[in-house]
Structure formats: structure tokens, C-alpha cells
Amino acid sequence: MGTLEKDFDCAVEEFIISLEKSGKVEDLLNKETLTEEEVRAKRYINSNNMQYTATDPIKDGKFTMDRGNFMTLIPGMKSPLSVKFNMFETLVTDHLTAGYNKMKISFKELNASETSKIMEIVQEESEAIATRAGHLYAVLSFTADTSADLENATYIVFNVQQPYHITGADLKAYCGDFLASALALRFKSASVTNYVPCSQNYDLRKVKNYTDRIKKYLEECKKKTVEYIDFELCFGERKRDVAGRVQTEQCFYLASIPRDSTGTQLTAHFPYYDQGSLEP
């Protein structure tokens, strides 16, 4: 979704979110005869340049189907990958301000070797990592165009209490290692197109819009205390650009949802988001 630069309207946002969750935003944008509430919503969307794509947000029905597919095809896999909201928001804001323009979640299989490497970095939080041994894990990176002259910045953030910087992280090596893992082969065998992504990529400006919307709507409008962002594992059809041609793949992906201080995912108040692309 695009920017939220104008005055934030809680009532209109609530109506738009209901449309996002039901998958009816496009219907609103294409309708000619509108109710008063729909007119306000359409004007709000246009004035705030809220540009919708096929990957953000995800309607509830698609999430339910794709989450169910994952649990059926890959039973026993721990989900979600969770990151503390304040930590995540700070990292996103700081790196965007510094000139980074992309965010990447690189997948890892926590086999014995990878688990040991990560536990050495997090040390006092090694028990949190140990509980995910044998399951899917990921690291978070911020990257920039080569013209920006910024080195990639990679962190361990999922299921820990603070970010841990990984010195000398090689994202290409991470990709190759994951695709060669037993877990990737398991994902590949579950896909009718035999496709496995090694990462999920994001426009960092859109991620900042996402965290801003969480703060403005959930915290200010709904008075919720957001503690975590949960990235749930899903399995379904995804589109990607292959040499200028859109190609549909069936594979796993991450869908995010905020979680409050009581441990409740805020699905009643906020849509699931994908926002990532497959490897471009």
C-alpha cells in the first residue's frame, strides 16, 4: 500500500481496512455509484496515494486458505517468526534515514551447524534459538542501490529480545545454502511448480508506511499496545517477474500480522500483509 501523508482519519481507515480484509478494495475503486461512506473512502485513498497491489494487504480468505495449505503440506513446522515491534520499527526508520531502500528476509534452515553459529552471536538468548532447531528461521537485511555506497546491514531479530548485527553477512551465500538444505527440498517437493524462494524482498519505504499505519491506527485509534509483528508461514500462488514476464509460482511465503501485549494477534482490527516479492 502507498503513502499515508495526509490527515489520518480513524473512521475512514476502519472502513477501508474492512474492505482490505474482505478483498473488496478494487470493487470500491471501480464502482461508479457510491454511498456517502464509499465516496469518503475513495477520496481518502486517492488523496493519500494509497496504491494497492496484488500482494498487500492479503484478504482474510486467502490467508486462511494459504496458512491451512502450509500446515497440511509442511506439518509440524513452527510458525510464526516474530519480531518485537519497537525494535523492528527503529531498525526500519534508522536504515531508511541512512539511505537504504530495500529490506530482505533471508531464510535459513536451523540445522546443527546454523543453530550453533547463531547461538554464538546471540549468546544470552541462545535458548530462544535452540527451541527452533530443525525449523525455518530467517535473518533481516537492509540493502541499498550501489550508487548509495552503503554496505548491507544484516541482523538476527526473530524470536529474540534485541537485534544482533551479523558481521560480514553474505546474502548470496545464504541463498545458496538455503536452497541446498533439506528443508528447501521439502518445500520444493510440496510445490507443483517446484519453486522455492530463498528470501522475501521488500520496498523499505512501504515497510515504513506499514509501521506508521500500525502506530496510527492500532495504537492511536484502537488504543492497542503492539508488542510484536508475527510473520506466519503460508503456502500458495505467488507472482514474480522473470525477464519482464509475470510468472505464477506455488510456494511458501510470509504474511505479517501485529500482536498485542496480551499475546493476541490483532486480526479483528488489521489486515494481513505480504508486501514481499519473490526473488526479482
Protein backbone atom coordinates (compact mmCIF):
# COMPACT_ATOMS: atom_id res chain seq x y z
CA MET A 1 0.00 0.00 0.00
CA GLY A 2 1.19 3.53 -0.73
CA THR A 3 1.79 6.52 1.48
CA LEU A 4 -0.27 7.93 4.33
CA GLU A 5 0.82 11.54 4.08
CA LYS A 6 -2.43 13.43 4.65
CA ASP A 7 -4.51 13.72 7.82
CA PHE A 8 -5.12 10.27 9.29
CA ASP A 9 -8.85 9.57 9.65
CA CYS A 10 -9.63 6.72 12.06
CA ALA A 11 -13.21 6.18 10.86
CA VAL A 12 -12.30 6.10 7.18
CA GLU A 13 -9.32 3.85 7.89
CA GLU A 14 -11.60 1.41 9.71
CA PHE A 15 -13.91 1.22 6.70
CA ILE A 16 -11.01 0.79 4.26
CA ILE A 17 -9.49 -1.94 6.43
CA SER A 18 -12.81 -3.81 6.35
CA LEU A 19 -12.63 -3.70 2.54
CA GLU A 20 -9.00 -4.84 2.55
CA LYS A 21 -9.83 -7.79 4.78
CA SER A 22 -12.74 -8.85 2.56
CA GLY A 23 -10.84 -8.22 -0.69
CA LYS A 24 -13.27 -5.56 -1.91
CA VAL A 25 -10.98 -2.54 -2.34
CA GLU A 26 -10.83 -2.98 -6.12
CA ASP A 27 -14.64 -3.09 -6.24
CA LEU A 28 -14.74 0.29 -4.49
CA LEU A 29 -12.16 1.83 -6.82
CA ASN A 30 -14.03 0.62 -9.91
CA LYS A 31 -17.61 1.41 -8.79
CA GLU A 32 -19.43 4.34 -10.36
CA THR A 33 -22.38 4.59 -7.96
CA LEU A 34 -21.12 5.04 -4.40
CA THR A 35 -22.60 5.52 -0.94
CA GLU A 36 -21.54 8.52 1.13
CA GLU A 37 -19.13 6.35 3.13
CA GLU A 38 -17.65 4.90 -0.06
CA VAL A 39 -17.17 8.39 -1.53
CA ARG A 40 -15.20 9.46 1.56
CA ALA A 41 -13.11 6.30 1.43
CA LYS A 42 -12.33 6.67 -2.29
CA ARG A 43 -11.33 10.32 -1.85
CA TYR A 44 -9.14 9.35 1.11
CA ILE A 45 -7.43 6.59 -0.88
CA ASN A 46 -6.76 8.94 -3.80
CA SER A 47 -5.60 11.91 -1.70
CA ASN A 48 -3.20 9.70 0.25
CA ASN A 49 -1.89 7.97 -2.90
CA MET A 50 -2.76 4.57 -1.42
CA GLN A 51 -1.71 2.33 -4.30
CA TYR A 52 -2.83 -1.26 -3.97
CA THR A 53 -1.04 -4.25 -5.46
CA ALA A 54 -1.75 -7.96 -5.54
CA THR A 55 0.44 -8.59 -2.51
CA ASP A 56 -0.60 -6.08 0.13
CA PRO A 57 -2.75 -6.41 2.08
CA ILE A 58 -3.95 -10.02 1.82
CA LYS A 59 -7.67 -10.64 2.16
CA ASP A 60 -8.59 -12.84 5.11
CA GLY A 61 -9.90 -15.64 2.92
CA LYS A 62 -6.61 -16.02 1.05
CA PHE A 63 -4.60 -16.01 4.28
CA THR A 64 -6.82 -18.67 5.85
CA MET A 65 -6.53 -20.88 2.76
CA ASP A 66 -2.76 -20.42 2.34
CA ARG A 67 -1.99 -20.85 6.04
CA GLY A 68 -4.05 -24.04 6.02
CA ASN A 69 -2.18 -25.23 2.92
CA PHE A 70 1.15 -24.76 4.68
CA MET A 71 0.08 -26.70 7.76
CA THR A 72 -1.18 -29.53 5.53
CA LEU A 73 1.82 -29.66 3.20
CA ILE A 74 4.54 -28.96 5.80
CA PRO A 75 3.10 -30.32 9.07
CA GLY A 76 4.91 -29.67 12.34
CA MET A 77 6.81 -26.56 11.20
CA LYS A 78 6.93 -23.84 13.87
CA SER A 79 5.20 -20.58 12.98
CA PRO A 80 5.32 -17.62 13.31
CA LEU A 81 8.68 -15.91 13.07
CA SER A 82 8.19 -12.96 15.43
CA VAL A 83 9.98 -9.64 15.82
CA LYS A 84 9.48 -7.06 18.57
CA PHE A 85 7.58 -4.15 17.04
CA ASN A 86 9.59 -1.32 18.62
CA MET A 87 12.86 -2.99 17.59
CA PHE A 88 11.61 -3.54 14.06
CA GLU A 89 10.27 0.00 13.69
CA THR A 90 13.54 1.50 14.92
CA LEU A 91 15.64 -0.57 12.50
CA VAL A 92 13.35 0.32 9.59
CA THR A 93 13.35 4.05 10.37
CA ASP A 94 17.10 4.27 11.05
CA HIS A 95 18.10 2.45 7.87
CA LEU A 96 15.63 4.35 5.69
CA THR A 97 17.01 7.62 7.07
CA ALA A 98 20.56 6.41 6.39
CA GLY A 99 19.78 5.89 2.70
CA TYR A 100 18.83 2.21 2.46
CA ASN A 101 15.85 1.49 0.21
CA LYS A 102 15.27 -2.28 0.40
CA MET A 103 14.68 -4.84 3.11
CA LYS A 104 15.27 -8.56 2.73
CA ILE A 105 14.27 -11.54 4.87
CA SER A 106 16.71 -14.37 4.06
CA PHE A 107 15.61 -17.87 5.02
CA LYS A 108 17.71 -20.39 6.91
CA GLU A 109 17.28 -23.98 7.97
CA LEU A 110 18.34 -24.26 11.60
CA ASN A 111 20.37 -27.44 11.24
CA ALA A 112 23.02 -28.18 13.88
CA SER A 113 25.69 -26.04 12.20
CA GLU A 114 23.46 -22.98 11.61
CA THR A 115 21.97 -23.22 15.09
CA SER A 116 25.45 -23.24 16.62
CA LYS A 117 26.57 -20.21 14.56
CA ILE A 118 23.54 -18.14 15.55
CA MET A 119 23.70 -19.19 19.20
CA GLU A 120 27.30 -17.94 19.33
CA ILE A 121 26.13 -14.50 18.18
CA VAL A 122 23.10 -14.15 20.45
CA GLN A 123 24.77 -15.88 23.44
CA GLU A 124 22.46 -14.99 26.36
CA GLU A 125 19.41 -15.63 24.16
CA SER A 126 20.72 -18.92 22.82
CA GLU A 127 17.85 -20.86 24.42
CA ALA A 128 15.32 -18.98 22.28
CA ILE A 129 17.20 -20.06 19.16
CA ALA A 130 17.64 -23.63 20.38
CA THR A 131 13.86 -24.07 20.53
CA ARG A 132 13.68 -23.50 16.76
CA ALA A 133 16.39 -26.02 15.86
CA GLY A 134 15.34 -28.06 12.82
CA HIS A 135 12.77 -25.46 11.78
CA LEU A 136 12.70 -22.49 9.40
CA TYR A 137 14.49 -19.36 10.59
CA ALA A 138 15.48 -16.10 8.90
CA VAL A 139 17.70 -13.04 9.19
CA LEU A 140 16.79 -9.44 8.33
CA SER A 141 18.91 -7.31 5.99
CA PHE A 142 18.83 -3.75 4.71
CA THR A 143 20.35 -3.04 1.31
CA ALA A 144 20.81 -0.02 -0.93
CA ASP A 145 21.46 0.73 -4.59
CA THR A 146 25.15 0.59 -5.49
CA SER A 147 25.15 4.36 -6.06
CA ALA A 148 24.42 4.91 -2.36
CA ASP A 149 27.77 3.35 -1.35
CA LEU A 150 26.26 1.62 1.68
CA GLU A 151 27.21 -1.85 2.87
CA ASN A 152 24.44 -4.36 3.52
CA ALA A 153 23.38 -4.46 7.18
CA THR A 154 22.16 -7.84 8.46
CA TYR A 155 20.66 -8.69 11.84
CA ILE A 156 19.27 -11.54 13.90
CA VAL A 157 15.89 -10.20 15.07
CA PHE A 158 13.37 -13.04 15.02
CA ASN A 159 12.28 -14.57 18.32
CA VAL A 160 14.91 -12.62 20.29
CA GLN A 161 14.65 -9.54 22.51
CA GLN A 162 17.22 -7.30 20.80
CA PRO A 163 18.87 -7.05 17.36
CA TYR A 164 22.23 -8.75 16.83
CA HIS A 165 24.37 -7.47 13.97
CA ILE A 166 25.98 -10.15 11.77
CA THR A 167 29.41 -9.00 10.62
CA GLY A 168 30.33 -9.84 7.02
CA ALA A 169 26.99 -11.44 6.12
CA ASP A 170 26.98 -12.85 2.57
CA LEU A 171 23.40 -12.79 1.28
CA LYS A 172 24.22 -14.72 -1.89
CA ALA A 173 25.82 -17.47 0.18
CA TYR A 174 22.77 -17.52 2.47
CA CYS A 175 20.58 -18.06 -0.59
CA GLY A 176 22.69 -20.90 -1.93
CA ASP A 177 22.95 -22.58 1.45
CA PHE A 178 19.19 -22.47 1.97
CA LEU A 179 18.35 -23.79 -1.49
CA ALA A 180 20.70 -26.72 -0.86
CA SER A 181 19.16 -27.52 2.52
CA ALA A 182 16.92 -30.47 3.35
CA LEU A 183 14.18 -28.03 4.32
CA ALA A 184 14.24 -26.34 0.89
CA LEU A 185 13.96 -29.74 -0.76
CA ARG A 186 10.93 -30.42 1.41
CA PHE A 187 9.35 -27.14 0.29
CA LYS A 188 10.20 -27.90 -3.34
CA SER A 189 8.55 -31.30 -3.25
CA ALA A 190 5.37 -29.68 -1.88
CA SER A 191 5.19 -27.19 -4.78
CA VAL A 192 3.54 -28.13 -8.07
CA THR A 193 5.90 -25.66 -9.79
CA ASN A 194 8.97 -26.93 -7.87
CA TYR A 195 9.82 -23.37 -6.81
CA VAL A 196 11.46 -22.37 -3.53
CA PRO A 197 12.32 -18.74 -2.66
CA CYS A 198 15.46 -18.19 -0.61
CA SER A 199 14.33 -14.75 0.54
CA GLN A 200 11.43 -12.32 0.59
CA ASN A 201 12.14 -8.79 -0.58
CA TYR A 202 10.52 -5.52 0.45
CA ASP A 203 10.45 -1.88 -0.56
CA LEU A 204 11.73 -0.21 2.62
CA ARG A 205 9.54 2.87 2.15
CA LYS A 206 6.46 0.62 2.08
CA VAL A 207 7.62 -1.12 5.25
CA LYS A 208 7.89 2.31 6.92
CA ASN A 209 4.33 3.10 5.77
CA TYR A 210 3.26 -0.22 7.29
CA THR A 211 4.80 0.52 10.71
CA ASP A 212 3.36 4.05 10.60
CA ARG A 213 -0.11 2.67 9.90
CA ILE A 214 0.19 0.25 12.82
CA LYS A 215 1.10 3.10 15.17
CA LYS A 216 -1.56 5.48 13.90
CA TYR A 217 -4.45 3.05 13.57
CA LEU A 218 -3.87 0.30 16.12
CA GLU A 219 -2.14 2.33 18.81
CA GLU A 220 -3.77 5.76 18.39
CA CYS A 221 -7.22 4.89 17.02
CA LYS A 222 -7.79 1.49 18.65
CA LYS A 223 -5.64 2.10 21.77
CA LYS A 224 -3.82 -1.22 21.34
CA THR A 225 -0.29 -1.84 22.58
CA VAL A 226 1.51 -3.60 19.74
CA GLU A 227 4.32 -5.80 21.05
CA TYR A 228 5.25 -7.98 18.07
CA ILE A 229 4.88 -8.46 14.35
CA ASP A 230 4.19 -12.12 13.62
CA PHE A 231 5.27 -13.47 10.23
CA GLU A 232 3.10 -16.53 9.62
CA LEU A 233 4.17 -19.25 7.18
CA CYS A 234 1.79 -19.66 4.24
CA PHE A 235 1.78 -21.72 1.04
CA GLY A 236 0.02 -20.55 -2.09
CA GLU A 237 0.21 -18.99 -5.54
CA ARG A 238 2.60 -16.06 -5.92
CA LYS A 239 3.57 -13.97 -8.93
CA ARG A 240 7.10 -12.94 -9.84
CA ASP A 241 8.84 -11.14 -12.67
CA VAL A 242 11.03 -13.39 -14.82
CA ALA A 243 12.85 -11.42 -17.53
CA GLY A 244 9.94 -8.98 -17.81
CA ARG A 245 7.31 -11.71 -17.85
CA VAL A 246 4.97 -12.38 -14.93
CA GLN A 247 5.17 -15.99 -13.81
CA THR A 248 2.95 -17.73 -11.25
CA GLU A 249 4.63 -19.99 -8.72
CA GLN A 250 3.27 -22.12 -5.91
CA CYS A 251 5.48 -21.77 -2.88
CA PHE A 252 5.73 -20.73 0.76
CA TYR A 253 5.73 -17.08 1.81
CA LEU A 254 5.40 -14.91 4.92
CA ALA A 255 2.27 -12.97 5.91
CA SER A 256 2.57 -10.45 8.73
CA ILE A 257 0.08 -9.50 11.45
CA PRO A 258 0.59 -7.37 14.60
CA ARG A 259 0.25 -8.95 18.05
CA ASP A 260 -0.67 -7.04 21.22
CA SER A 261 0.62 -7.11 24.80
CA THR A 262 -1.85 -9.86 25.75
CA GLY A 263 -0.44 -12.19 23.09
CA THR A 264 -3.45 -11.76 20.79
CA GLN A 265 -2.94 -11.32 17.06
CA LEU A 266 -4.92 -8.23 16.03
CA THR A 267 -6.73 -9.91 13.15
CA ALA A 268 -10.06 -8.34 14.09
CA HIS A 269 -8.65 -4.84 13.59
CA PHE A 270 -5.94 -5.09 10.93
CA PRO A 271 -5.33 -6.92 7.65
CA TYR A 272 -2.65 -9.50 6.93
CA TYR A 273 0.16 -8.12 4.79
CA ASP A 274 2.50 -9.76 2.34
CA GLN A 275 4.30 -6.76 0.81
CA GLY A 276 7.20 -9.00 -0.21
CA SER A 277 8.04 -10.13 -3.67
CA LEU A 278 9.59 -13.37 -4.68
CA GLU A 279 13.19 -13.09 -5.81
CA PRO A 280 13.15 -10.48 -8.61
